[in-house]
Amino acid sequence: MKQEKRYSEMEEIELKQEIAQLREKARKAEQLGIVNEFAVYERRVSMAQAYLMNPDDFKPGKMYELKTDPGQYFKVDYLNGVFAWGYRLNGDGKEEGIPISLLNKGV
């Protein structure tokens, strides 16, 4: 049995290949109407994409628009690896951690 590598251990080319494979699996799951499986693959794509980004591009105390929910903003309290921890504006006020790949840098 082959031990899978963690995203944090992968090189850029390996991450890009993984993302392509996951997108293909997500596309097939969507075509078959398997919503839960599609959602899992989409989350894994977001995670892998986060490892291709620089966490230093995101600053605590700033707000970023969510790519998955235009018009919704996320205020970053702190970063832990490739996760931004904070809360959604107009949300329930609960702290959550999301991959930095879900944040738009340009806001």
Protein backbone atom coordinates (compact mmCIF):
# COMPACT_ATOMS: atom_id res chain seq x y z
CA MET A 1 0.00 0.00 0.00
CA LYS A 2 1.43 3.35 -1.07
CA GLN A 3 1.58 6.08 1.57
CA GLU A 4 0.07 9.29 0.20
CA LYS A 5 2.11 12.46 0.53
CA ARG A 6 0.74 15.39 2.46
CA TYR A 7 0.14 18.53 0.44
CA SER A 8 2.73 20.29 2.60
CA GLU A 9 5.35 17.75 1.42
CA MET A 10 4.56 18.07 -2.30
CA GLU A 11 6.50 20.09 -4.86
CA GLU A 12 4.65 22.67 -6.97
CA ILE A 13 4.38 20.33 -9.98
CA GLU A 14 2.96 17.55 -7.79
CA LEU A 15 0.36 19.93 -6.35
CA LYS A 16 -0.69 21.04 -9.82
CA GLN A 17 -1.03 17.43 -10.96
CA GLU A 18 -3.07 16.60 -7.85
CA ILE A 19 -5.35 19.59 -8.48
CA ALA A 20 -5.92 18.49 -12.09
CA GLN A 21 -6.78 14.94 -10.97
CA LEU A 22 -9.13 16.18 -8.25
CA ARG A 23 -10.90 18.53 -10.67
CA GLU A 24 -11.43 15.63 -13.07
CA LYS A 25 -12.87 13.49 -10.27
CA ALA A 26 -15.10 16.40 -9.20
CA ARG A 27 -16.33 16.85 -12.77
CA LYS A 28 -17.23 13.16 -13.01
CA ALA A 29 -18.99 13.20 -9.63
CA GLU A 30 -20.97 16.27 -10.71
CA GLN A 31 -21.99 14.60 -13.98
CA LEU A 32 -23.16 11.55 -12.04
CA GLY A 33 -25.09 13.76 -9.61
CA ILE A 34 -23.07 12.65 -6.57
CA VAL A 35 -23.23 15.97 -4.73
CA ASN A 36 -21.41 14.90 -1.56
CA GLU A 37 -18.47 13.44 -3.46
CA PHE A 38 -18.28 16.56 -5.65
CA ALA A 39 -18.12 18.78 -2.55
CA VAL A 40 -15.31 16.68 -1.03
CA TYR A 41 -13.21 16.97 -4.20
CA GLU A 42 -13.83 20.72 -4.37
CA ARG A 43 -12.62 21.13 -0.76
CA ARG A 44 -9.52 19.07 -1.51
CA VAL A 45 -8.79 21.29 -4.54
CA SER A 46 -9.03 24.36 -2.30
CA MET A 47 -6.64 22.79 0.18
CA ALA A 48 -4.08 21.88 -2.49
CA GLN A 49 -4.33 25.35 -4.04
CA ALA A 50 -3.60 26.92 -0.65
CA TYR A 51 -0.17 25.26 -0.64
CA LEU A 52 0.64 27.02 -3.92
CA MET A 53 0.06 30.42 -2.28
CA ASN A 54 2.16 32.58 0.03
CA PRO A 55 0.56 33.03 3.48
CA ASP A 56 2.55 36.27 3.86
CA ASP A 57 0.23 37.84 1.27
CA PHE A 58 -2.56 37.78 3.87
CA LYS A 59 -2.47 40.03 6.91
CA PRO A 60 -4.23 39.65 10.27
CA GLY A 61 -6.79 42.38 10.88
CA LYS A 62 -7.64 42.76 7.19
CA MET A 63 -10.80 41.73 5.37
CA TYR A 64 -10.87 39.63 2.24
CA GLU A 65 -13.71 38.78 -0.10
CA LEU A 66 -14.51 35.06 -0.27
CA LYS A 67 -14.00 33.61 -3.77
CA THR A 68 -16.78 31.09 -3.20
CA ASP A 69 -19.27 33.71 -2.00
CA PRO A 70 -18.86 37.08 -3.79
CA GLY A 71 -20.00 39.98 -1.63
CA GLN A 72 -19.26 38.03 1.56
CA TYR A 73 -16.16 39.07 3.51
CA PHE A 74 -13.88 37.29 5.94
CA LYS A 75 -11.88 39.14 8.59
CA VAL A 76 -8.58 37.41 9.35
CA ASP A 77 -7.58 37.32 13.02
CA TYR A 78 -4.48 35.17 12.53
CA LEU A 79 -2.83 32.71 10.17
CA ASN A 80 -1.75 29.17 10.96
CA GLY A 81 0.08 27.65 8.02
CA VAL A 82 -2.13 27.99 4.95
CA PHE A 83 -5.26 28.56 7.02
CA ALA A 84 -6.73 31.95 7.81
CA TRP A 85 -8.59 32.02 11.11
CA GLY A 86 -11.26 34.61 11.76
CA TYR A 87 -14.92 35.15 11.06
CA ARG A 88 -17.33 36.05 8.28
CA LEU A 89 -18.84 39.50 8.34
CA ASN A 90 -22.61 39.20 8.66
CA GLY A 91 -22.06 35.61 9.78
CA ASP A 92 -22.83 33.97 13.10
CA GLY A 93 -19.69 35.42 14.71
CA LYS A 94 -18.09 32.02 15.26
CA GLU A 95 -14.39 31.68 14.54
CA GLU A 96 -13.52 29.40 11.65
CA GLY A 97 -10.44 28.45 9.68
CA ILE A 98 -10.45 28.44 5.91
CA PRO A 99 -7.73 27.77 3.32
CA ILE A 100 -6.15 31.00 2.07
CA SER A 101 -7.00 29.87 -1.47
CA LEU A 102 -10.62 30.87 -0.75
CA LEU A 103 -9.68 34.51 -0.11
CA ASN A 104 -9.36 37.18 -2.80
CA LYS A 105 -6.11 39.08 -2.30
CA GLY A 106 -7.23 42.12 -4.29
CA VAL A 107 -9.72 43.56 -1.76
